[in-house]
Amino acid sequence: MARLTINGKKPDIACDDETPLLYVLRDHLGLSGPKFGCGLGQCGACTVLVDGRATRSCITPLSAVQNSTVITLEGLGSKDAPHPLQSAFITYQAAQCGTCTNGMIMTAAALSGQNPAPTREEIRTALAGNLCRCGTQQRILAAVLSAFTPKGELDHDDPR
């Protein structure tokens, strides 16, 4: 029996220790935030926070997260009380197909835990490992930057 906390709850998980965390989250717990993208840990669609670190859940076995705290997109915020990053993605319409959105938000959330005021370049660097194939990278960057920037302080590159 796996022992971990997921979005503030301690679910009973009876899976093989080598089952990828992504499968546990989606198939056993019904969480749809993390997406299956490449299955190789390269695209970032499956990113979750494990003890505050951005982690590719498609290549992380359940055994690697024993006694850890896992946060998914669903645990970051809610429909009624979205996380500032989630609100910014809505404001900037920073999603088209939505495949990369989970990974972009969760990676940015991990960055916020390490650096509450990152520069544009630090945000670009943090998000570089997340693939977006539908061309919303500029809106994504603007959304993440706005979530970290006090209101009224965005520069002329603001695409709104």
N, C-alpha and C. Protein backbone atom coordinates (compact mmCIF):
# COMPACT_ATOMS: atom_id res chain seq x y z
N MET A 1 0.85 -1.18 0.00
CA MET A 1 0.00 0.00 0.00
C MET A 1 0.89 1.24 0.00
N ALA A 2 0.67 2.09 -0.96
CA ALA A 2 1.46 3.32 -1.07
C ALA A 2 1.06 4.30 0.02
N ARG A 3 2.06 5.00 0.56
CA ARG A 3 1.81 6.02 1.58
C ARG A 3 2.33 7.36 1.05
N LEU A 4 1.38 8.22 0.69
CA LEU A 4 1.72 9.56 0.24
C LEU A 4 0.50 10.45 0.37
N THR A 5 0.73 11.74 0.29
CA THR A 5 -0.35 12.71 0.37
C THR A 5 -0.51 13.32 -1.02
N ILE A 6 -1.74 13.30 -1.54
CA ILE A 6 -2.03 13.86 -2.85
C ILE A 6 -3.11 14.92 -2.69
N ASN A 7 -2.75 16.15 -3.00
CA ASN A 7 -3.68 17.28 -2.89
C ASN A 7 -4.32 17.35 -1.51
N GLY A 8 -3.52 17.12 -0.48
CA GLY A 8 -4.00 17.23 0.89
C GLY A 8 -4.71 16.01 1.44
N LYS A 9 -4.84 14.97 0.63
CA LYS A 9 -5.53 13.74 1.07
C LYS A 9 -4.55 12.58 1.07
N LYS A 10 -4.86 11.57 1.85
CA LYS A 10 -4.03 10.37 1.92
C LYS A 10 -4.85 9.19 1.38
N PRO A 11 -4.90 9.06 0.06
CA PRO A 11 -5.72 8.01 -0.53
C PRO A 11 -5.11 6.62 -0.35
N ASP A 12 -5.98 5.62 -0.35
CA ASP A 12 -5.52 4.24 -0.36
C ASP A 12 -5.17 3.89 -1.79
N ILE A 13 -3.93 3.54 -2.01
CA ILE A 13 -3.47 3.21 -3.36
C ILE A 13 -2.87 1.81 -3.32
N ALA A 14 -3.56 0.89 -3.96
CA ALA A 14 -3.07 -0.49 -4.03
C ALA A 14 -2.59 -0.75 -5.44
N CYS A 15 -1.38 -0.29 -5.73
CA CYS A 15 -0.77 -0.48 -7.05
C CYS A 15 0.64 -1.02 -6.86
N ASP A 16 1.14 -1.65 -7.89
CA ASP A 16 2.52 -2.09 -7.90
C ASP A 16 3.44 -0.89 -7.71
N ASP A 17 4.51 -1.06 -6.96
CA ASP A 17 5.44 0.04 -6.68
C ASP A 17 6.07 0.65 -7.92
N GLU A 18 6.11 -0.09 -9.01
CA GLU A 18 6.72 0.43 -10.24
C GLU A 18 5.71 1.09 -11.18
N THR A 19 4.45 1.15 -10.78
CA THR A 19 3.44 1.83 -11.58
C THR A 19 3.79 3.31 -11.67
N PRO A 20 3.82 3.88 -12.88
CA PRO A 20 4.10 5.31 -12.98
C PRO A 20 3.08 6.15 -12.21
N LEU A 21 3.56 7.16 -11.53
CA LEU A 21 2.69 8.04 -10.75
C LEU A 21 1.56 8.60 -11.61
N LEU A 22 1.84 8.92 -12.86
CA LEU A 22 0.81 9.46 -13.75
C LEU A 22 -0.39 8.51 -13.85
N TYR A 23 -0.13 7.22 -13.98
CA TYR A 23 -1.22 6.25 -14.09
C TYR A 23 -2.03 6.17 -12.81
N VAL A 24 -1.34 6.27 -11.68
CA VAL A 24 -2.04 6.26 -10.39
C VAL A 24 -2.96 7.48 -10.31
N LEU A 25 -2.42 8.65 -10.66
CA LEU A 25 -3.20 9.88 -10.56
C LEU A 25 -4.41 9.87 -11.48
N ARG A 26 -4.21 9.48 -12.73
CA ARG A 26 -5.29 9.53 -13.72
C ARG A 26 -6.23 8.33 -13.61
N ASP A 27 -5.66 7.14 -13.61
CA ASP A 27 -6.49 5.92 -13.71
C ASP A 27 -7.09 5.49 -12.38
N HIS A 28 -6.38 5.68 -11.29
CA HIS A 28 -6.87 5.21 -9.99
C HIS A 28 -7.54 6.30 -9.17
N LEU A 29 -7.10 7.55 -9.36
CA LEU A 29 -7.67 8.64 -8.56
C LEU A 29 -8.54 9.59 -9.37
N GLY A 30 -8.60 9.42 -10.69
CA GLY A 30 -9.49 10.22 -11.54
C GLY A 30 -9.07 11.67 -11.70
N LEU A 31 -7.79 11.98 -11.51
CA LEU A 31 -7.31 13.35 -11.68
C LEU A 31 -6.91 13.55 -13.13
N SER A 32 -7.42 14.60 -13.75
CA SER A 32 -7.18 14.80 -15.18
C SER A 32 -6.22 15.95 -15.48
N GLY A 33 -5.70 16.62 -14.46
CA GLY A 33 -4.75 17.72 -14.68
C GLY A 33 -3.50 17.24 -15.40
N PRO A 34 -2.75 16.31 -14.79
CA PRO A 34 -1.56 15.81 -15.47
C PRO A 34 -1.96 15.02 -16.72
N LYS A 35 -1.29 15.31 -17.81
CA LYS A 35 -1.63 14.68 -19.10
C LYS A 35 -0.56 13.67 -19.50
N PHE A 36 -0.95 12.68 -20.28
CA PHE A 36 0.02 11.79 -20.91
C PHE A 36 0.42 12.46 -22.21
N GLY A 37 1.67 12.80 -22.33
CA GLY A 37 2.16 13.44 -23.55
C GLY A 37 3.06 12.48 -24.31
N CYS A 38 4.29 12.34 -23.84
CA CYS A 38 5.27 11.51 -24.54
C CYS A 38 5.54 10.19 -23.84
N GLY A 39 5.31 10.12 -22.54
CA GLY A 39 5.60 8.90 -21.78
C GLY A 39 7.09 8.71 -21.51
N LEU A 40 7.90 9.70 -21.86
CA LEU A 40 9.35 9.60 -21.70
C LEU A 40 9.93 10.69 -20.80
N GLY A 41 9.07 11.51 -20.22
CA GLY A 41 9.53 12.60 -19.36
C GLY A 41 10.15 13.76 -20.11
N GLN A 42 9.86 13.88 -21.39
CA GLN A 42 10.49 14.92 -22.20
C GLN A 42 9.60 16.12 -22.50
N CYS A 43 8.28 15.95 -22.48
CA CYS A 43 7.40 17.05 -22.91
C CYS A 43 6.86 17.89 -21.77
N GLY A 44 6.76 17.34 -20.57
CA GLY A 44 6.29 18.09 -19.41
C GLY A 44 4.80 18.08 -19.16
N ALA A 45 4.01 17.47 -20.04
CA ALA A 45 2.55 17.49 -19.88
C ALA A 45 2.10 16.82 -18.59
N CYS A 46 2.90 15.91 -18.07
CA CYS A 46 2.53 15.13 -16.88
C CYS A 46 3.05 15.73 -15.58
N THR A 47 3.62 16.92 -15.61
CA THR A 47 4.30 17.50 -14.45
C THR A 47 3.37 17.69 -13.26
N VAL A 48 3.87 17.28 -12.11
CA VAL A 48 3.22 17.50 -10.81
C VAL A 48 4.29 18.02 -9.86
N LEU A 49 3.88 18.51 -8.72
CA LEU A 49 4.84 18.91 -7.69
C LEU A 49 4.98 17.76 -6.70
N VAL A 50 6.19 17.34 -6.47
CA VAL A 50 6.49 16.34 -5.45
C VAL A 50 7.39 17.03 -4.44
N ASP A 51 6.85 17.24 -3.26
CA ASP A 51 7.55 17.99 -2.21
C ASP A 51 8.07 19.32 -2.75
N GLY A 52 7.23 19.97 -3.58
CA GLY A 52 7.53 21.30 -4.10
C GLY A 52 8.37 21.34 -5.36
N ARG A 53 8.85 20.19 -5.82
CA ARG A 53 9.69 20.14 -7.02
C ARG A 53 8.87 19.68 -8.22
N ALA A 54 9.08 20.33 -9.37
CA ALA A 54 8.43 19.89 -10.61
C ALA A 54 8.97 18.50 -10.96
N THR A 55 8.05 17.56 -11.14
CA THR A 55 8.42 16.16 -11.36
C THR A 55 7.61 15.60 -12.50
N ARG A 56 8.24 14.90 -13.40
CA ARG A 56 7.57 14.25 -14.53
C ARG A 56 6.95 12.94 -14.03
N SER A 57 5.65 12.94 -13.90
CA SER A 57 4.97 11.79 -13.28
C SER A 57 4.91 10.56 -14.18
N CYS A 58 5.11 10.73 -15.49
CA CYS A 58 5.05 9.57 -16.39
C CYS A 58 6.25 8.65 -16.23
N ILE A 59 7.36 9.15 -15.70
CA ILE A 59 8.55 8.32 -15.52
C ILE A 59 8.91 8.15 -14.04
N THR A 60 8.04 8.59 -13.16
CA THR A 60 8.29 8.49 -11.72
C THR A 60 7.49 7.32 -11.16
N PRO A 61 8.17 6.26 -10.73
CA PRO A 61 7.43 5.13 -10.16
C PRO A 61 6.84 5.49 -8.80
N LEU A 62 5.77 4.84 -8.47
CA LEU A 62 5.10 5.06 -7.19
C LEU A 62 6.08 4.90 -6.03
N SER A 63 7.00 3.98 -6.15
CA SER A 63 7.98 3.74 -5.08
C SER A 63 8.84 4.97 -4.80
N ALA A 64 9.04 5.83 -5.79
CA ALA A 64 9.90 7.01 -5.63
C ALA A 64 9.22 8.13 -4.87
N VAL A 65 7.93 8.06 -4.67
CA VAL A 65 7.21 9.14 -3.99
C VAL A 65 6.60 8.71 -2.66
N GLN A 66 7.05 7.58 -2.14
CA GLN A 66 6.58 7.14 -0.82
C GLN A 66 6.86 8.23 0.21
N ASN A 67 5.91 8.49 1.07
CA ASN A 67 6.03 9.49 2.14
C ASN A 67 6.25 10.91 1.62
N SER A 68 5.82 11.17 0.40
CA SER A 68 5.95 12.50 -0.20
C SER A 68 4.60 13.19 -0.27
N THR A 69 4.65 14.49 -0.57
CA THR A 69 3.44 15.26 -0.81
C THR A 69 3.40 15.59 -2.29
N VAL A 70 2.32 15.19 -2.95
CA VAL A 70 2.14 15.41 -4.38
C VAL A 70 1.01 16.42 -4.57
N ILE A 71 1.28 17.42 -5.40
CA ILE A 71 0.25 18.40 -5.75
C ILE A 71 0.05 18.33 -7.25
N THR A 72 -1.20 18.19 -7.67
CA THR A 72 -1.54 18.21 -9.08
C THR A 72 -2.20 19.55 -9.39
N LEU A 73 -2.52 19.77 -10.65
CA LEU A 73 -3.20 21.00 -11.04
C LEU A 73 -4.48 21.19 -10.24
N GLU A 74 -5.18 20.10 -9.97
CA GLU A 74 -6.43 20.17 -9.19
C GLU A 74 -6.17 20.63 -7.75
N GLY A 75 -5.01 20.32 -7.21
CA GLY A 75 -4.68 20.68 -5.84
C GLY A 75 -4.04 22.05 -5.71
N LEU A 76 -3.64 22.62 -6.83
CA LEU A 76 -3.02 23.94 -6.83
C LEU A 76 -4.06 25.02 -6.55
N GLY A 77 -5.20 24.89 -7.15
CA GLY A 77 -6.30 25.83 -6.97
C GLY A 77 -7.60 25.16 -7.37
N SER A 78 -8.68 25.88 -7.23
CA SER A 78 -9.99 25.33 -7.59
C SER A 78 -10.71 26.28 -8.54
N LYS A 79 -11.84 25.85 -9.02
CA LYS A 79 -12.64 26.70 -9.89
C LYS A 79 -13.04 27.99 -9.17
N ASP A 80 -13.39 27.86 -7.91
CA ASP A 80 -13.82 29.03 -7.13
C ASP A 80 -12.66 29.84 -6.57
N ALA A 81 -11.52 29.21 -6.38
CA ALA A 81 -10.35 29.91 -5.83
C ALA A 81 -9.09 29.47 -6.59
N PRO A 82 -8.97 29.92 -7.84
CA PRO A 82 -7.81 29.49 -8.64
C PRO A 82 -6.51 30.07 -8.11
N HIS A 83 -5.45 29.34 -8.33
CA HIS A 83 -4.10 29.82 -8.02
C HIS A 83 -3.81 31.01 -8.94
N PRO A 84 -2.97 31.96 -8.54
CA PRO A 84 -2.66 33.10 -9.40
C PRO A 84 -2.17 32.69 -10.80
N LEU A 85 -1.44 31.60 -10.91
CA LEU A 85 -1.00 31.14 -12.23
C LEU A 85 -2.19 30.68 -13.06
N GLN A 86 -3.11 29.97 -12.45
CA GLN A 86 -4.31 29.53 -13.17
C GLN A 86 -5.13 30.73 -13.63
N SER A 87 -5.27 31.72 -12.76
CA SER A 87 -6.01 32.94 -13.13
C SER A 87 -5.33 33.65 -14.29
N ALA A 88 -3.99 33.72 -14.25
CA ALA A 88 -3.26 34.40 -15.31
C ALA A 88 -3.42 33.68 -16.65
N PHE A 89 -3.43 32.36 -16.64
CA PHE A 89 -3.62 31.60 -17.88
C PHE A 89 -5.01 31.88 -18.46
N ILE A 90 -5.99 32.05 -17.61
CA ILE A 90 -7.34 32.38 -18.07
C ILE A 90 -7.36 33.80 -18.64
N THR A 91 -6.81 34.75 -17.90
CA THR A 91 -6.78 36.15 -18.33
C THR A 91 -6.08 36.32 -19.67
N TYR A 92 -4.95 35.64 -19.83
CA TYR A 92 -4.15 35.79 -21.05
C TYR A 92 -4.55 34.80 -22.15
N GLN A 93 -5.57 34.00 -21.89
CA GLN A 93 -6.00 32.98 -22.85
C GLN A 93 -4.79 32.21 -23.35
N ALA A 94 -4.02 31.70 -22.40
CA ALA A 94 -2.73 31.07 -22.69
C ALA A 94 -2.84 29.57 -22.95
N ALA A 95 -3.93 29.15 -23.54
CA ALA A 95 -4.06 27.74 -23.89
C ALA A 95 -4.84 27.63 -25.18
N GLN A 96 -4.42 26.70 -26.00
CA GLN A 96 -5.21 26.38 -27.18
C GLN A 96 -5.66 24.93 -27.04
N CYS A 97 -4.78 24.00 -27.34
CA CYS A 97 -5.18 22.59 -27.22
C CYS A 97 -5.21 22.13 -25.78
N GLY A 98 -4.40 22.75 -24.90
CA GLY A 98 -4.40 22.44 -23.49
C GLY A 98 -3.45 21.33 -23.05
N THR A 99 -2.80 20.66 -23.98
CA THR A 99 -1.92 19.56 -23.60
C THR A 99 -0.77 20.03 -22.72
N CYS A 100 -0.17 21.15 -23.03
CA CYS A 100 0.99 21.62 -22.27
C CYS A 100 0.62 22.43 -21.04
N THR A 101 -0.60 22.87 -20.94
CA THR A 101 -1.00 23.82 -19.89
C THR A 101 -0.66 23.31 -18.49
N ASN A 102 -0.99 22.07 -18.19
CA ASN A 102 -0.69 21.51 -16.88
C ASN A 102 0.80 21.63 -16.57
N GLY A 103 1.64 21.21 -17.49
CA GLY A 103 3.08 21.25 -17.25
C GLY A 103 3.62 22.65 -17.10
N MET A 104 3.11 23.56 -17.90
CA MET A 104 3.57 24.95 -17.81
C MET A 104 3.21 25.55 -16.45
N ILE A 105 1.97 25.35 -16.02
CA ILE A 105 1.52 25.91 -14.74
C ILE A 105 2.27 25.26 -13.58
N MET A 106 2.40 23.94 -13.60
CA MET A 106 3.05 23.26 -12.48
C MET A 106 4.54 23.58 -12.42
N THR A 107 5.19 23.72 -13.56
CA THR A 107 6.60 24.10 -13.57
C THR A 107 6.76 25.52 -13.04
N ALA A 108 5.87 26.42 -13.44
CA ALA A 108 5.91 27.79 -12.93
C ALA A 108 5.61 27.83 -11.43
N ALA A 109 4.72 26.96 -10.97
CA ALA A 109 4.43 26.90 -9.53
C ALA A 109 5.66 26.45 -8.75
N ALA A 110 6.40 25.48 -9.29
CA ALA A 110 7.64 25.05 -8.63
C ALA A 110 8.64 26.19 -8.60
N LEU A 111 8.73 26.94 -9.70
CA LEU A 111 9.63 28.10 -9.76
C LEU A 111 9.25 29.12 -8.70
N SER A 112 7.95 29.34 -8.50
CA SER A 112 7.52 30.34 -7.51
C SER A 112 7.94 29.96 -6.10
N GLY A 113 8.05 28.65 -5.84
CA GLY A 113 8.51 28.20 -4.53
C GLY A 113 10.00 28.43 -4.32
N GLN A 114 10.75 28.50 -5.43
CA GLN A 114 12.20 28.71 -5.35
C GLN A 114 12.56 30.19 -5.49
N ASN A 115 11.76 30.91 -6.27
CA ASN A 115 12.09 32.30 -6.59
C ASN A 115 10.79 33.08 -6.76
N PRO A 116 10.37 33.82 -5.76
CA PRO A 116 9.08 34.52 -5.84
C PRO A 116 9.04 35.69 -6.82
N ALA A 117 10.20 36.11 -7.34
CA ALA A 117 10.23 37.23 -8.29
C ALA A 117 11.22 36.94 -9.42
N PRO A 118 10.95 35.92 -10.22
CA PRO A 118 11.89 35.59 -11.30
C PRO A 118 11.84 36.61 -12.43
N THR A 119 12.95 36.71 -13.14
CA THR A 119 13.01 37.58 -14.31
C THR A 119 12.37 36.85 -15.49
N ARG A 120 12.13 37.58 -16.55
CA ARG A 120 11.59 36.99 -17.78
C ARG A 120 12.50 35.85 -18.25
N GLU A 121 13.82 36.06 -18.19
CA GLU A 121 14.76 35.03 -18.64
C GLU A 121 14.73 33.80 -17.73
N GLU A 122 14.59 34.01 -16.44
CA GLU A 122 14.49 32.87 -15.51
C GLU A 122 13.21 32.07 -15.77
N ILE A 123 12.14 32.76 -16.10
CA ILE A 123 10.89 32.06 -16.43
C ILE A 123 11.08 31.28 -17.73
N ARG A 124 11.67 31.90 -18.74
CA ARG A 124 11.92 31.20 -20.01
C ARG A 124 12.75 29.94 -19.78
N THR A 125 13.79 30.07 -18.98
CA THR A 125 14.67 28.93 -18.70
C THR A 125 13.90 27.82 -17.99
N ALA A 126 13.10 28.18 -17.00
CA ALA A 126 12.33 27.18 -16.25
C ALA A 126 11.34 26.45 -17.14
N LEU A 127 10.71 27.17 -18.07
CA LEU A 127 9.69 26.57 -18.94
C LEU A 127 10.26 25.90 -20.18
N ALA A 128 11.55 26.04 -20.42
CA ALA A 128 12.16 25.54 -21.66
C ALA A 128 11.97 24.03 -21.87
N GLY A 129 11.86 23.27 -20.80
CA GLY A 129 11.69 21.83 -20.92
C GLY A 129 10.27 21.38 -21.16
N ASN A 130 9.34 22.32 -21.26
CA ASN A 130 7.93 22.00 -21.52
C ASN A 130 7.63 22.31 -22.97
N LEU A 131 7.11 21.34 -23.68
CA LEU A 131 6.82 21.52 -25.10
C LEU A 131 5.40 22.03 -25.32
N CYS A 132 5.29 23.04 -26.19
CA CYS A 132 4.00 23.54 -26.66
C CYS A 132 4.04 23.49 -28.17
N ARG A 133 3.11 22.76 -28.75
CA ARG A 133 3.13 22.58 -30.19
C ARG A 133 2.11 23.46 -30.92
N CYS A 134 1.28 24.18 -30.18
CA CYS A 134 0.23 24.95 -30.88
C CYS A 134 0.52 26.44 -30.92
N GLY A 135 1.68 26.86 -30.45
CA GLY A 135 2.09 28.23 -30.68
C GLY A 135 1.65 29.26 -29.66
N THR A 136 1.35 28.88 -28.44
CA THR A 136 0.92 29.87 -27.46
C THR A 136 2.05 30.26 -26.50
N GLN A 137 3.28 30.00 -26.88
CA GLN A 137 4.39 30.26 -25.98
C GLN A 137 4.44 31.71 -25.50
N GLN A 138 4.17 32.68 -26.36
CA GLN A 138 4.23 34.09 -25.94
C GLN A 138 3.14 34.41 -24.93
N ARG A 139 1.96 33.86 -25.13
CA ARG A 139 0.88 34.09 -24.16
C ARG A 139 1.19 33.39 -22.84
N ILE A 140 1.79 32.19 -22.93
CA ILE A 140 2.17 31.46 -21.72
C ILE A 140 3.20 32.27 -20.94
N LEU A 141 4.22 32.75 -21.61
CA LEU A 141 5.25 33.55 -20.96
C LEU A 141 4.63 34.80 -20.32
N ALA A 142 3.75 35.47 -21.04
CA ALA A 142 3.11 36.67 -20.51
C ALA A 142 2.25 36.34 -19.29
N ALA A 143 1.53 35.21 -19.34
CA ALA A 143 0.69 34.81 -18.21
C ALA A 143 1.54 34.53 -16.97
N VAL A 144 2.60 33.77 -17.15
CA VAL A 144 3.46 33.43 -16.01
C VAL A 144 4.12 34.69 -15.47
N LEU A 145 4.63 35.53 -16.34
CA LEU A 145 5.25 36.78 -15.90
C LEU A 145 4.26 37.64 -15.13
N SER A 146 3.02 37.71 -15.60
CA SER A 146 2.02 38.54 -14.90
C SER A 146 1.68 37.98 -13.52
N ALA A 147 1.73 36.66 -13.38
CA ALA A 147 1.43 36.06 -12.07
C ALA A 147 2.51 36.40 -11.05
N PHE A 148 3.73 36.68 -11.52
CA PHE A 148 4.84 37.02 -10.64
C PHE A 148 5.05 38.52 -10.49
N THR A 149 4.34 39.33 -11.27
CA THR A 149 4.57 40.77 -11.32
C THR A 149 3.41 41.51 -10.67
N PRO A 150 3.71 42.44 -9.77
CA PRO A 150 2.62 43.24 -9.18
C PRO A 150 1.82 43.95 -10.27
N LYS A 151 0.53 44.07 -10.05
CA LYS A 151 -0.34 44.73 -11.02
C LYS A 151 0.18 46.12 -11.38
N GLY A 152 0.10 46.44 -12.67
CA GLY A 152 0.51 47.75 -13.15
C GLY A 152 1.99 47.87 -13.45
N GLU A 153 2.75 46.78 -13.24
CA GLU A 153 4.19 46.89 -13.46
C GLU A 153 4.67 46.13 -14.68
N LEU A 154 3.77 45.60 -15.50
CA LEU A 154 4.21 44.90 -16.70
C LEU A 154 4.75 45.90 -17.72
N ASP A 155 5.74 45.47 -18.47
CA ASP A 155 6.35 46.36 -19.45
C ASP A 155 5.59 46.39 -20.76
N HIS A 156 6.12 47.06 -21.75
CA HIS A 156 5.46 47.25 -23.04
C HIS A 156 5.28 45.96 -23.83
N ASP A 157 5.92 44.85 -23.42
CA ASP A 157 5.78 43.58 -24.11
C ASP A 157 4.50 42.84 -23.74
N ASP A 158 3.73 43.41 -22.83
CA ASP A 158 2.48 42.79 -22.41
C ASP A 158 1.55 42.65 -23.63
N PRO A 159 1.21 41.40 -24.04
CA PRO A 159 0.44 41.21 -25.26
C PRO A 159 -1.06 41.48 -25.13
N ARG A 160 -1.53 41.86 -23.95
CA ARG A 160 -2.99 42.07 -23.80
C ARG A 160 -3.47 43.18 -24.65
